Amino acid sequence: SDLKKFTTRNPDHGVFQIKYSNMPKATFYDQSLRKRPYYI
């Protein structure tokens, strides 16, 4: 499938949908904000 994509690729898309240099770094929110039930 990737070989097929290589034949029709758009180089403007980069490795991901956005050029890697233009992608912001993922930051993570405080886990205390995420609440779930627990089985013990």
Full PDB file with SEQRES, HELIX, SHEET, SSBOND, CRYST1, ORIGX, SCALE, CONECT and MASTER records, all heavy atoms in Angstrom:
SEQRES   1 A   40  SER ASP LEU LYS LYS PHE THR THR ARG ASN PRO ASP HIS          
SEQRES   2 A   40  GLY VAL PHE GLN ILE LYS TYR SER ASN MET PRO LYS ALA          
SEQRES   3 A   40  THR PHE TYR ASP GLN SER LEU ARG LYS ARG PRO TYR TYR          
SEQRES   4 A   40  ILE                                                          
HELIX    1 AA1 ASP A    2  THR A    8  1                                   7    
HELIX    2 AA2 PRO A   11  HIS A   13  5                                   3    
HELIX    3 AA3 TYR A   20  ASN A   22  5                                   3    
HELIX    4 AA4 GLN A   31  LEU A   33  5                                   3    
CRYST1    1.000    1.000    1.000  90.00  90.00  90.00 P 1           1          
ORIGX1      1.000000  0.000000  0.000000        0.00000                         
ORIGX2      0.000000  1.000000  0.000000        0.00000                         
ORIGX3      0.000000  0.000000  1.000000        0.00000                         
SCALE1      1.000000  0.000000  0.000000        0.00000                         
SCALE2      0.000000  1.000000  0.000000        0.00000                         
SCALE3      0.000000  0.000000  1.000000        0.00000                         
ATOM      1  N   SER A   1       0.830  -1.205   0.000  1.00  0.00           N  
ATOM      2  CA  SER A   1       0.000   0.000   0.000  1.00  0.00           C  
ATOM      3  C   SER A   1       0.864   1.255   0.000  1.00  0.00           C  
ATOM      4  O   SER A   1       0.572   2.238  -0.700  1.00  0.00           O  
ATOM      5  CB  SER A   1      -0.931  -0.006   1.229  1.00  0.00           C  
ATOM      6  OG  SER A   1      -1.684   1.188   1.310  1.00  0.00           O  
ATOM      7  N   ASP A   2       1.945   1.239   0.789  1.00  0.00           N  
ATOM      8  CA  ASP A   2       2.857   2.382   0.809  1.00  0.00           C  
ATOM      9  C   ASP A   2       3.597   2.533  -0.523  1.00  0.00           C  
ATOM     10  O   ASP A   2       3.885   3.653  -0.966  1.00  0.00           O  
ATOM     11  CB  ASP A   2       3.861   2.252   1.957  1.00  0.00           C  
ATOM     12  CG  ASP A   2       3.341   2.849   3.256  1.00  0.00           C  
ATOM     13  OD1 ASP A   2       2.460   3.725   3.198  1.00  0.00           O  
ATOM     14  OD2 ASP A   2       3.812   2.445   4.330  1.00  0.00           O  
ATOM     15  N   LEU A   3       3.919   1.414  -1.173  1.00  0.00           N  
ATOM     16  CA  LEU A   3       4.537   1.490  -2.489  1.00  0.00           C  
ATOM     17  C   LEU A   3       3.602   2.174  -3.486  1.00  0.00           C  
ATOM     18  O   LEU A   3       4.031   3.003  -4.304  1.00  0.00           O  
ATOM     19  CB  LEU A   3       4.899   0.091  -2.994  1.00  0.00           C  
ATOM     20  CG  LEU A   3       6.177  -0.532  -2.437  1.00  0.00           C  
ATOM     21  CD1 LEU A   3       6.315  -1.980  -2.904  1.00  0.00           C  
ATOM     22  CD2 LEU A   3       7.409   0.259  -2.867  1.00  0.00           C  
ATOM     23  N   LYS A   4       2.320   1.832  -3.409  1.00  0.00           N  
ATOM     24  CA  LYS A   4       1.341   2.486  -4.277  1.00  0.00           C  
ATOM     25  C   LYS A   4       1.265   3.982  -3.974  1.00  0.00           C  
ATOM     26  O   LYS A   4       1.206   4.815  -4.885  1.00  0.00           O  
ATOM     27  CB  LYS A   4      -0.041   1.846  -4.094  1.00  0.00           C  
ATOM     28  CG  LYS A   4      -0.151   0.434  -4.642  1.00  0.00           C  
ATOM     29  CD  LYS A   4      -1.569  -0.104  -4.417  1.00  0.00           C  
ATOM     30  CE  LYS A   4      -1.727  -1.503  -4.988  1.00  0.00           C  
ATOM     31  NZ  LYS A   4      -3.103  -2.035  -4.742  1.00  0.00           N  
ATOM     32  N   LYS A   5       1.282   4.316  -2.694  1.00  0.00           N  
ATOM     33  CA  LYS A   5       1.217   5.729  -2.307  1.00  0.00           C  
ATOM     34  C   LYS A   5       2.437   6.483  -2.813  1.00  0.00           C  
ATOM     35  O   LYS A   5       2.342   7.650  -3.215  1.00  0.00           O  
ATOM     36  CB  LYS A   5       1.119   5.846  -0.787  1.00  0.00           C  
ATOM     37  CG  LYS A   5       0.993   7.290  -0.297  1.00  0.00           C  
ATOM     38  CD  LYS A   5       1.010   7.367   1.218  1.00  0.00           C  
ATOM     39  CE  LYS A   5       1.012   8.823   1.681  1.00  0.00           C  
ATOM     40  NZ  LYS A   5       1.146   8.934   3.144  1.00  0.00           N  
ATOM     41  N   PHE A   6       3.585   5.832  -2.803  1.00  0.00           N  
ATOM     42  CA  PHE A   6       4.823   6.467  -3.256  1.00  0.00           C  
ATOM     43  C   PHE A   6       4.707   6.930  -4.712  1.00  0.00           C  
ATOM     44  O   PHE A   6       5.287   7.953  -5.102  1.00  0.00           O  
ATOM     45  CB  PHE A   6       5.985   5.493  -3.106  1.00  0.00           C  
ATOM     46  CG  PHE A   6       7.302   6.028  -3.552  1.00  0.00           C  
ATOM     47  CD1 PHE A   6       7.935   7.055  -2.860  1.00  0.00           C  
ATOM     48  CD2 PHE A   6       7.932   5.512  -4.683  1.00  0.00           C  
ATOM     49  CE1 PHE A   6       9.171   7.552  -3.271  1.00  0.00           C  
ATOM     50  CE2 PHE A   6       9.162   6.003  -5.105  1.00  0.00           C  
ATOM     51  CZ  PHE A   6       9.778   7.022  -4.397  1.00  0.00           C  
ATOM     52  N   THR A   7       3.938   6.196  -5.510  1.00  0.00           N  
ATOM     53  CA  THR A   7       3.809   6.547  -6.931  1.00  0.00           C  
ATOM     54  C   THR A   7       2.934   7.772  -7.150  1.00  0.00           C  
ATOM     55  O   THR A   7       3.001   8.391  -8.217  1.00  0.00           O  
ATOM     56  CB  THR A   7       3.216   5.369  -7.739  1.00  0.00           C  
ATOM     57  OG1 THR A   7       1.861   5.128  -7.329  1.00  0.00           O  
ATOM     58  CG2 THR A   7       4.052   4.113  -7.547  1.00  0.00           C  
ATOM     59  N   THR A   8       2.123   8.130  -6.160  1.00  0.00           N  
ATOM     60  CA  THR A   8       1.184   9.258  -6.328  1.00  0.00           C  
ATOM     61  C   THR A   8       1.296  10.267  -5.198  1.00  0.00           C  
ATOM     62  O   THR A   8       0.415  11.095  -5.009  1.00  0.00           O  
ATOM     63  CB  THR A   8      -0.263   8.744  -6.381  1.00  0.00           C  
ATOM     64  OG1 THR A   8      -0.571   8.046  -5.162  1.00  0.00           O  
ATOM     65  CG2 THR A   8      -0.474   7.809  -7.558  1.00  0.00           C  
ATOM     66  N   ARG A   9       2.377  10.238  -4.439  1.00  0.00           N  
ATOM     67  CA  ARG A   9       2.468  11.014  -3.215  1.00  0.00           C  
ATOM     68  C   ARG A   9       2.526  12.515  -3.469  1.00  0.00           C  
ATOM     69  O   ARG A   9       2.954  12.965  -4.535  1.00  0.00           O  
ATOM     70  CB  ARG A   9       3.710  10.598  -2.426  1.00  0.00           C  
ATOM     71  CG  ARG A   9       5.033  11.044  -3.042  1.00  0.00           C  
ATOM     72  CD  ARG A   9       6.212  10.408  -2.336  1.00  0.00           C  
ATOM     73  NE  ARG A   9       7.490  10.862  -2.858  1.00  0.00           N  
ATOM     74  CZ  ARG A   9       8.216  11.821  -2.283  1.00  0.00           C  
ATOM     75  NH1 ARG A   9       7.796  12.395  -1.171  1.00  0.00           N  
ATOM     76  NH2 ARG A   9       9.360  12.202  -2.811  1.00  0.00           N  
ATOM     77  N   ASN A  10       2.140  13.251  -2.466  1.00  0.00           N  
ATOM     78  CA  ASN A  10       2.268  14.708  -2.454  1.00  0.00           C  
ATOM     79  C   ASN A  10       3.372  15.062  -1.463  1.00  0.00           C  
ATOM     80  O   ASN A  10       3.163  14.977  -0.260  1.00  0.00           O  
ATOM     81  CB  ASN A  10       0.947  15.366  -2.045  1.00  0.00           C  
ATOM     82  CG  ASN A  10       1.021  16.889  -2.056  1.00  0.00           C  
ATOM     83  OD1 ASN A  10       2.098  17.474  -2.199  1.00  0.00           O  
ATOM     84  ND2 ASN A  10      -0.128  17.529  -1.916  1.00  0.00           N  
ATOM     85  N   PRO A  11       4.564  15.461  -1.935  1.00  0.00           N  
ATOM     86  CA  PRO A  11       5.688  15.709  -1.018  1.00  0.00           C  
ATOM     87  C   PRO A  11       5.428  16.866  -0.058  1.00  0.00           C  
ATOM     88  O   PRO A  11       6.114  16.995   0.957  1.00  0.00           O  
ATOM     89  CB  PRO A  11       6.847  16.028  -1.968  1.00  0.00           C  
ATOM     90  CG  PRO A  11       6.213  16.450  -3.246  1.00  0.00           C  
ATOM     91  CD  PRO A  11       4.937  15.667  -3.338  1.00  0.00           C  
ATOM     92  N   ASP A  12       4.449  17.707  -0.350  1.00  0.00           N  
ATOM     93  CA  ASP A  12       4.153  18.831   0.539  1.00  0.00           C  
ATOM     94  C   ASP A  12       3.596  18.374   1.887  1.00  0.00           C  
ATOM     95  O   ASP A  12       3.613  19.123   2.853  1.00  0.00           O  
ATOM     96  CB  ASP A  12       3.149  19.791  -0.118  1.00  0.00           C  
ATOM     97  CG  ASP A  12       3.760  20.511  -1.319  1.00  0.00           C  
ATOM     98  OD1 ASP A  12       5.000  20.638  -1.355  1.00  0.00           O  
ATOM     99  OD2 ASP A  12       3.010  20.915  -2.215  1.00  0.00           O  
ATOM    100  N   HIS A  13       3.082  17.139   1.933  1.00  0.00           N  
ATOM    101  CA  HIS A  13       2.471  16.640   3.163  1.00  0.00           C  
ATOM    102  C   HIS A  13       3.501  16.217   4.205  1.00  0.00           C  
ATOM    103  O   HIS A  13       3.218  16.206   5.387  1.00  0.00           O  
ATOM    104  CB  HIS A  13       1.544  15.461   2.851  1.00  0.00           C  
ATOM    105  CG  HIS A  13       0.254  15.880   2.235  1.00  0.00           C  
ATOM    106  ND1 HIS A  13      -0.685  14.986   1.780  1.00  0.00           N  
ATOM    107  CD2 HIS A  13      -0.262  17.106   1.994  1.00  0.00           C  
ATOM    108  CE1 HIS A  13      -1.727  15.634   1.281  1.00  0.00           C  
ATOM    109  NE2 HIS A  13      -1.491  16.924   1.401  1.00  0.00           N  
ATOM    110  N   GLY A  14       4.675  15.831   3.796  1.00  0.00           N  
ATOM    111  CA  GLY A  14       5.679  15.390   4.737  1.00  0.00           C  
ATOM    112  C   GLY A  14       5.382  14.016   5.318  1.00  0.00           C  
ATOM    113  O   GLY A  14       4.503  13.293   4.851  1.00  0.00           O  
ATOM    114  N   VAL A  15       6.138  13.652   6.352  1.00  0.00           N  
ATOM    115  CA  VAL A  15       5.955  12.347   6.989  1.00  0.00           C  
ATOM    116  C   VAL A  15       4.548  12.226   7.559  1.00  0.00           C  
ATOM    117  O   VAL A  15       3.865  11.211   7.380  1.00  0.00           O  
ATOM    118  CB  VAL A  15       6.998  12.141   8.105  1.00  0.00           C  
ATOM    119  CG1 VAL A  15       6.726  10.842   8.855  1.00  0.00           C  
ATOM    120  CG2 VAL A  15       8.410  12.115   7.512  1.00  0.00           C  
ATOM    121  N   PHE A  16       4.117  13.266   8.250  1.00  0.00           N  
ATOM    122  CA  PHE A  16       2.755  13.303   8.765  1.00  0.00           C  
ATOM    123  C   PHE A  16       1.942  14.248   7.875  1.00  0.00           C  
ATOM    124  O   PHE A  16       2.424  14.686   6.825  1.00  0.00           O  
ATOM    125  CB  PHE A  16       2.765  13.741  10.228  1.00  0.00           C  
ATOM    126  CG  PHE A  16       3.547  12.803  11.118  1.00  0.00           C  
ATOM    127  CD1 PHE A  16       4.817  13.138  11.567  1.00  0.00           C  
ATOM    128  CD2 PHE A  16       3.036  11.567  11.473  1.00  0.00           C  
ATOM    129  CE1 PHE A  16       5.560  12.274  12.363  1.00  0.00           C  
ATOM    130  CE2 PHE A  16       3.760  10.682  12.267  1.00  0.00           C  
ATOM    131  CZ  PHE A  16       5.020  11.044  12.717  1.00  0.00           C  
ATOM    132  N   GLN A  17       0.744  14.564   8.238  1.00  0.00           N  
ATOM    133  CA  GLN A  17      -0.069  15.425   7.379  1.00  0.00           C  
ATOM    134  C   GLN A  17       0.484  16.842   7.314  1.00  0.00           C  
ATOM    135  O   GLN A  17       0.193  17.595   6.394  1.00  0.00           O  
ATOM    136  CB  GLN A  17      -1.517  15.452   7.888  1.00  0.00           C  
ATOM    137  CG  GLN A  17      -2.199  14.088   7.796  1.00  0.00           C  
ATOM    138  CD  GLN A  17      -3.686  14.181   8.006  1.00  0.00           C  
ATOM    139  OE1 GLN A  17      -4.408  14.622   7.135  1.00  0.00           O  
ATOM    140  NE2 GLN A  17      -4.136  13.780   9.180  1.00  0.00           N  
ATOM    141  N   ILE A  18       1.288  17.201   8.314  1.00  0.00           N  
ATOM    142  CA  ILE A  18       1.909  18.515   8.409  1.00  0.00           C  
ATOM    143  C   ILE A  18       3.420  18.311   8.415  1.00  0.00           C  
ATOM    144  O   ILE A  18       3.913  17.316   8.935  1.00  0.00           O  
ATOM    145  CB  ILE A  18       1.468  19.219   9.720  1.00  0.00           C  
ATOM    146  CG1 ILE A  18      -0.060  19.275   9.807  1.00  0.00           C  
ATOM    147  CG2 ILE A  18       2.059  20.614   9.829  1.00  0.00           C  
ATOM    148  CD1 ILE A  18      -0.573  19.641  11.182  1.00  0.00           C  
ATOM    149  N   LYS A  19       4.170  19.230   7.820  1.00  0.00           N  
ATOM    150  CA  LYS A  19       5.626  19.141   7.894  1.00  0.00           C  
ATOM    151  C   LYS A  19       6.052  19.077   9.365  1.00  0.00           C  
ATOM    152  O   LYS A  19       5.570  19.846  10.203  1.00  0.00           O  
ATOM    153  CB  LYS A  19       6.262  20.356   7.227  1.00  0.00           C  
ATOM    154  CG  LYS A  19       6.103  20.393   5.701  1.00  0.00           C  
ATOM    155  CD  LYS A  19       7.047  19.429   5.021  1.00  0.00           C  
ATOM    156  CE  LYS A  19       7.044  19.653   3.508  1.00  0.00           C  
ATOM    157  NZ  LYS A  19       7.945  18.724   2.812  1.00  0.00           N  
ATOM    158  N   TYR A  20       6.983  18.173   9.672  1.00  0.00           N  
ATOM    159  CA  TYR A  20       7.354  17.927  11.065  1.00  0.00           C  
ATOM    160  C   TYR A  20       7.876  19.184  11.747  1.00  0.00           C  
ATOM    161  O   TYR A  20       7.596  19.421  12.926  1.00  0.00           O  
ATOM    162  CB  TYR A  20       8.402  16.815  11.122  1.00  0.00           C  
ATOM    163  CG  TYR A  20       8.587  16.234  12.500  1.00  0.00           C  
ATOM    164  CD1 TYR A  20       7.587  15.449  13.079  1.00  0.00           C  
ATOM    165  CD2 TYR A  20       9.746  16.460  13.229  1.00  0.00           C  
ATOM    166  CE1 TYR A  20       7.742  14.905  14.345  1.00  0.00           C  
ATOM    167  CE2 TYR A  20       9.906  15.921  14.494  1.00  0.00           C  
ATOM    168  CZ  TYR A  20       8.904  15.142  15.049  1.00  0.00           C  
ATOM    169  OH  TYR A  20       9.051  14.626  16.308  1.00  0.00           O  
ATOM    170  N   SER A  21       8.609  20.007  11.031  1.00  0.00           N  
ATOM    171  CA  SER A  21       9.166  21.229  11.625  1.00  0.00           C  
ATOM    172  C   SER A  21       8.076  22.232  12.011  1.00  0.00           C  
ATOM    173  O   SER A  21       8.297  23.104  12.853  1.00  0.00           O  
ATOM    174  CB  SER A  21      10.136  21.897  10.654  1.00  0.00           C  
ATOM    175  OG  SER A  21       9.476  22.248   9.443  1.00  0.00           O  
ATOM    176  N   ASN A  22       6.892  22.084  11.408  1.00  0.00           N  
ATOM    177  CA  ASN A  22       5.778  22.993  11.706  1.00  0.00           C  
ATOM    178  C   ASN A  22       4.821  22.440  12.764  1.00  0.00           C  
ATOM    179  O   ASN A  22       3.853  23.114  13.130  1.00  0.00           O  
ATOM    180  CB  ASN A  22       4.987  23.299  10.430  1.00  0.00           C  
ATOM    181  CG  ASN A  22       5.806  24.054   9.404  1.00  0.00           C  
ATOM    182  OD1 ASN A  22       6.687  24.826   9.772  1.00  0.00           O  
ATOM    183  ND2 ASN A  22       5.536  23.833   8.132  1.00  0.00           N  
ATOM    184  N   MET A  23       5.091  21.225  13.238  1.00  0.00           N  
ATOM    185  CA  MET A  23       4.199  20.613  14.228  1.00  0.00           C  
ATOM    186  C   MET A  23       4.604  21.047  15.636  1.00  0.00           C  
ATOM    187  O   MET A  23       5.776  20.938  16.007  1.00  0.00           O  
ATOM    188  CB  MET A  23       4.263  19.079  14.122  1.00  0.00           C  
ATOM    189  CG  MET A  23       3.657  18.526  12.847  1.00  0.00           C  
ATOM    190  SD  MET A  23       4.022  16.766  12.559  1.00  0.00           S  
ATOM    191  CE  MET A  23       3.313  15.998  14.020  1.00  0.00           C  
ATOM    192  N   PRO A  24       3.653  21.528  16.456  1.00  0.00           N  
ATOM    193  CA  PRO A  24       3.988  21.875  17.845  1.00  0.00           C  
ATOM    194  C   PRO A  24       4.220  20.613  18.675  1.00  0.00           C  
ATOM    195  O   PRO A  24       3.714  19.538  18.354  1.00  0.00           O  
ATOM    196  CB  PRO A  24       2.745  22.625  18.330  1.00  0.00           C  
ATOM    197  CG  PRO A  24       1.635  22.114  17.473  1.00  0.00           C  
ATOM    198  CD  PRO A  24       2.242  21.804  16.139  1.00  0.00           C  
ATOM    199  N   LYS A  25       4.995  20.749  19.732  1.00  0.00           N  
ATOM    200  CA  LYS A  25       5.235  19.631  20.636  1.00  0.00           C  
ATOM    201  C   LYS A  25       3.985  19.358  21.458  1.00  0.00           C  
ATOM    202  O   LYS A  25       3.328  20.270  21.939  1.00  0.00           O  
ATOM    203  CB  LYS A  25       6.406  19.951  21.567  1.00  0.00           C  
ATOM    204  CG  LYS A  25       6.753  18.817  22.518  1.00  0.00           C  
ATOM    205  CD  LYS A  25       7.916  19.192  23.434  1.00  0.00           C  
ATOM    206  CE  LYS A  25       8.216  18.076  24.417  1.00  0.00           C  
ATOM    207  NZ  LYS A  25       9.320  18.421  25.355  1.00  0.00           N  
ATOM    208  N   ALA A  26       3.647  18.086  21.603  1.00  0.00           N  
ATOM    209  CA  ALA A  26       2.488  17.708  22.426  1.00  0.00           C  
ATOM    210  C   ALA A  26       2.799  17.971  23.896  1.00  0.00           C  
ATOM    211  O   ALA A  26       3.845  17.576  24.401  1.00  0.00           O  
ATOM    212  CB  ALA A  26       2.156  16.233  22.223  1.00  0.00           C  
ATOM    213  N   THR A  27       1.888  18.652  24.573  1.00  0.00           N  
ATOM    214  CA  THR A  27       1.996  18.852  26.016  1.00  0.00           C  
ATOM    215  C   THR A  27       0.826  18.147  26.678  1.00  0.00           C  
ATOM    216  O   THR A  27      -0.256  18.026  26.094  1.00  0.00           O  
ATOM    217  CB  THR A  27       1.993  20.348  26.381  1.00  0.00           C  
ATOM    218  OG1 THR A  27       0.805  20.962  25.843  1.00  0.00           O  
ATOM    219  CG2 THR A  27       3.212  21.048  25.813  1.00  0.00           C  
ATOM    220  N   PHE A  28       1.031  17.708  27.903  1.00  0.00           N  
ATOM    221  CA  PHE A  28       0.057  16.839  28.552  1.00  0.00           C  
ATOM    222  C   PHE A  28      -0.567  17.525  29.764  1.00  0.00           C  
ATOM    223  O   PHE A  28       0.119  18.201  30.528  1.00  0.00           O  
ATOM    224  CB  PHE A  28       0.732  15.529  28.964  1.00  0.00           C  
ATOM    225  CG  PHE A  28       1.240  14.752  27.785  1.00  0.00           C  
ATOM    226  CD1 PHE A  28       2.500  15.019  27.244  1.00  0.00           C  
ATOM    227  CD2 PHE A  28       0.462  13.787  27.195  1.00  0.00           C  
ATOM    228  CE1 PHE A  28       2.975  14.328  26.140  1.00  0.00           C  
ATOM    229  CE2 PHE A  28       0.920  13.080  26.085  1.00  0.00           C  
ATOM    230  CZ  PHE A  28       2.178  13.357  25.562  1.00  0.00           C  
ATOM    231  N   TYR A  29      -1.875  17.345  29.904  1.00  0.00           N  
ATOM    232  CA  TYR A  29      -2.566  17.991  31.021  1.00  0.00           C  
ATOM    233  C   TYR A  29      -2.427  17.171  32.300  1.00  0.00           C  
ATOM    234  O   TYR A  29      -2.083  15.982  32.280  1.00  0.00           O  
ATOM    235  CB  TYR A  29      -4.032  18.268  30.693  1.00  0.00           C  
ATOM    236  CG  TYR A  29      -4.921  17.060  30.409  1.00  0.00           C  
ATOM    237  CD1 TYR A  29      -5.431  16.264  31.433  1.00  0.00           C  
ATOM    238  CD2 TYR A  29      -5.315  16.757  29.099  1.00  0.00           C  
ATOM    239  CE1 TYR A  29      -6.263  15.199  31.175  1.00  0.00           C  
ATOM    240  CE2 TYR A  29      -6.155  15.693  28.828  1.00  0.00           C  
ATOM    241  CZ  TYR A  29      -6.624  14.910  29.861  1.00  0.00           C  
ATOM    242  OH  TYR A  29      -7.448  13.848  29.598  1.00  0.00           O  
ATOM    243  N   ASP A  30      -2.669  17.808  33.404  1.00  0.00           N  
ATOM    244  CA  ASP A  30      -2.570  17.203  34.727  1.00  0.00           C  
ATOM    245  C   ASP A  30      -3.518  16.003  34.813  1.00  0.00           C  
ATOM    246  O   ASP A  30      -4.721  16.141  34.594  1.00  0.00           O  
ATOM    247  CB  ASP A  30      -2.921  18.242  35.791  1.00  0.00           C  
ATOM    248  CG  ASP A  30      -2.694  17.743  37.216  1.00  0.00           C  
ATOM    249  OD1 ASP A  30      -2.522  16.525  37.402  1.00  0.00           O  
ATOM    250  OD2 ASP A  30      -2.706  18.582  38.135  1.00  0.00           O  
ATOM    251  N   GLN A  31      -2.983  14.824  35.147  1.00  0.00           N  
ATOM    252  CA  GLN A  31      -3.806  13.611  35.196  1.00  0.00           C  
ATOM    253  C   GLN A  31      -4.911  13.685  36.245  1.00  0.00           C  
ATOM    254  O   GLN A  31      -5.884  12.937  36.166  1.00  0.00           O  
ATOM    255  CB  GLN A  31      -2.932  12.387  35.472  1.00  0.00           C  
ATOM    256  CG  GLN A  31      -2.024  12.021  34.315  1.00  0.00           C  
ATOM    257  CD  GLN A  31      -1.395  10.658  34.511  1.00  0.00           C  
ATOM    258  OE1 GLN A  31      -2.086   9.647  34.636  1.00  0.00           O  
ATOM    259  NE2 GLN A  31      -0.075  10.621  34.554  1.00  0.00           N  
ATOM    260  N   SER A  32      -4.759  14.581  37.216  1.00  0.00           N  
ATOM    261  CA  SER A  32      -5.808  14.713  38.234  1.00  0.00           C  
ATOM    262  C   SER A  32      -7.114  15.235  37.637  1.00  0.00           C  
ATOM    263  O   SER A  32      -8.172  15.128  38.256  1.00  0.00           O  
ATOM    264  CB  SER A  32      -5.351  15.633  39.364  1.00  0.00           C  
ATOM    265  OG  SER A  32      -5.171  16.956  38.899  1.00  0.00           O  
ATOM    266  N   LEU A  33      -7.036  15.802  36.428  1.00  0.00           N  
ATOM    267  CA  LEU A  33      -8.233  16.307  35.761  1.00  0.00           C  
ATOM    268  C   LEU A  33      -9.026  15.190  35.088  1.00  0.00           C  
ATOM    269  O   LEU A  33     -10.173  15.393  34.705  1.00  0.00           O  
ATOM    270  CB  LEU A  33      -7.857  17.371  34.717  1.00  0.00           C  
ATOM    271  CG  LEU A  33      -7.132  18.616  35.244  1.00  0.00           C  
ATOM    272  CD1 LEU A  33      -6.714  19.508  34.087  1.00  0.00           C  
ATOM    273  CD2 LEU A  33      -8.026  19.376  36.212  1.00  0.00           C  
ATOM    274  N   ARG A  34      -8.392  14.028  34.937  1.00  0.00           N  
ATOM    275  CA  ARG A  34      -9.061  12.916  34.254  1.00  0.00           C  
ATOM    276  C   ARG A  34      -9.535  11.903  35.291  1.00  0.00           C  
ATOM    277  O   ARG A  34      -8.737  11.220  35.927  1.00  0.00           O  
ATOM    278  CB  ARG A  34      -8.104  12.237  33.264  1.00  0.00           C  
ATOM    279  CG  ARG A  34      -8.815  11.253  32.338  1.00  0.00           C  
ATOM    280  CD  ARG A  34      -7.829  10.704  31.315  1.00  0.00           C  
ATOM    281  NE  ARG A  34      -8.529  10.006  30.246  1.00  0.00           N  
ATOM    282  CZ  ARG A  34      -8.879   8.713  30.280  1.00  0.00           C  
ATOM    283  NH1 ARG A  34      -8.585   7.983  31.349  1.00  0.00           N  
ATOM    284  NH2 ARG A  34      -9.511   8.154  29.268  1.00  0.00           N  
ATOM    285  N   LYS A  35     -10.831  11.817  35.450  1.00  0.00           N  
ATOM    286  CA  LYS A  35     -11.409  10.975  36.505  1.00  0.00           C  
ATOM    287  C   LYS A  35     -12.144   9.790  35.892  1.00  0.00           C  
ATOM    288  O   LYS A  35     -12.960   9.955  34.985  1.00  0.00           O  
ATOM    289  CB  LYS A  35     -12.336  11.815  37.386  1.00  0.00           C  
ATOM    290  CG  LYS A  35     -11.626  13.016  38.025  1.00  0.00           C  
ATOM    291  CD  LYS A  35     -12.543  13.794  38.945  1.00  0.00           C  
ATOM    292  CE  LYS A  35     -11.873  15.071  39.429  1.00  0.00           C  
ATOM    293  NZ  LYS A  35     -10.615  14.813  40.163  1.00  0.00           N  
ATOM    294  N   ARG A  36     -11.866   8.613  36.430  1.00  0.00           N  
ATOM    295  CA  ARG A  36     -12.490   7.373  35.980  1.00  0.00           C  
ATOM    296  C   ARG A  36     -12.771   6.486  37.183  1.00  0.00           C  
ATOM    297  O   ARG A  36     -12.073   6.570  38.210  1.00  0.00           O  
ATOM    298  CB  ARG A  36     -11.561   6.626  35.010  1.00  0.00           C  
ATOM    299  CG  ARG A  36     -11.322   7.332  33.679  1.00  0.00           C  
ATOM    300  CD  ARG A  36     -12.584   7.357  32.834  1.00  0.00           C  
ATOM    301  NE  ARG A  36     -12.359   7.894  31.496  1.00  0.00           N  
ATOM    302  CZ  ARG A  36     -12.436   9.178  31.179  1.00  0.00           C  
ATOM    303  NH1 ARG A  36     -12.686  10.077  32.114  1.00  0.00           N  
ATOM    304  NH2 ARG A  36     -12.263   9.564  29.932  1.00  0.00           N  
ATOM    305  N   PRO A  37     -13.756   5.583  37.095  1.00  0.00           N  
ATOM    306  CA  PRO A  37     -13.956   4.586  38.154  1.00  0.00           C  
ATOM    307  C   PRO A  37     -12.823   3.563  38.131  1.00  0.00           C  
ATOM    308  O   PRO A  37     -12.165   3.377  37.105  1.00  0.00           O  
ATOM    309  CB  PRO A  37     -15.292   3.921  37.787  1.00  0.00           C  
ATOM    310  CG  PRO A  37     -15.890   4.766  36.713  1.00  0.00           C  
ATOM    311  CD  PRO A  37     -14.765   5.472  36.030  1.00  0.00           C  
ATOM    312  N   TYR A  38     -12.627   2.903  39.269  1.00  0.00           N  
ATOM    313  CA  TYR A  38     -11.605   1.864  39.355  1.00  0.00           C  
ATOM    314  C   TYR A  38     -12.194   0.604  39.984  1.00  0.00           C  
ATOM    315  O   TYR A  38     -13.052   0.671  40.873  1.00  0.00           O  
ATOM    316  CB  TYR A  38     -10.397   2.333  40.174  1.00  0.00           C  
ATOM    317  CG  TYR A  38      -9.490   3.253  39.411  1.00  0.00           C  
ATOM    318  CD1 TYR A  38      -9.789   4.611  39.294  1.00  0.00           C  
ATOM    319  CD2 TYR A  38      -8.348   2.779  38.779  1.00  0.00           C  
ATOM    320  CE1 TYR A  38      -8.963   5.472  38.579  1.00  0.00           C  
ATOM    321  CE2 TYR A  38      -7.517   3.628  38.073  1.00  0.00           C  
ATOM    322  CZ  TYR A  38      -7.829   4.968  37.970  1.00  0.00           C  
ATOM    323  OH  TYR A  38      -7.015   5.806  37.255  1.00  0.00           O  
ATOM    324  N   TYR A  39     -11.700  -0.533  39.488  1.00  0.00           N  
ATOM    325  CA  TYR A  39     -12.013  -1.855  40.031  1.00  0.00           C  
ATOM    326  C   TYR A  39     -10.843  -2.261  40.909  1.00  0.00           C  
ATOM    327  O   TYR A  39      -9.689  -2.226  40.469  1.00  0.00           O  
ATOM    328  CB  TYR A  39     -12.208  -2.820  38.868  1.00  0.00           C  
ATOM    329  CG  TYR A  39     -12.140  -4.302  39.186  1.00  0.00           C  
ATOM    330  CD1 TYR A  39     -13.298  -5.075  39.255  1.00  0.00           C  
ATOM    331  CD2 TYR A  39     -10.915  -4.955  39.350  1.00  0.00           C  
ATOM    332  CE1 TYR A  39     -13.232  -6.453  39.502  1.00  0.00           C  
ATOM    333  CE2 TYR A  39     -10.835  -6.322  39.592  1.00  0.00           C  
ATOM    334  CZ  TYR A  39     -11.995  -7.060  39.669  1.00  0.00           C  
ATOM    335  OH  TYR A  39     -11.945  -8.414  39.908  1.00  0.00           O  
ATOM    336  N   ILE A  40     -11.132  -2.620  42.162  1.00  0.00           N  
ATOM    337  CA  ILE A  40     -10.082  -3.064  43.091  1.00  0.00           C  
ATOM    338  C   ILE A  40     -10.508  -4.396  43.700  1.00  0.00           C  
ATOM    339  O   ILE A  40     -11.584  -4.484  44.302  1.00  0.00           O  
ATOM    340  CB  ILE A  40      -9.829  -2.045  44.225  1.00  0.00           C  
ATOM    341  CG1 ILE A  40      -9.435  -0.683  43.663  1.00  0.00           C  
ATOM    342  CG2 ILE A  40      -8.728  -2.546  45.150  1.00  0.00           C  
ATOM    343  CD1 ILE A  40     -10.535   0.333  43.713  1.00  0.00           C  
TER     344      ILE A  40                                                      
MASTER        0    0    0    4    0    0    0    6  343    1    0    4          
END                                                                             
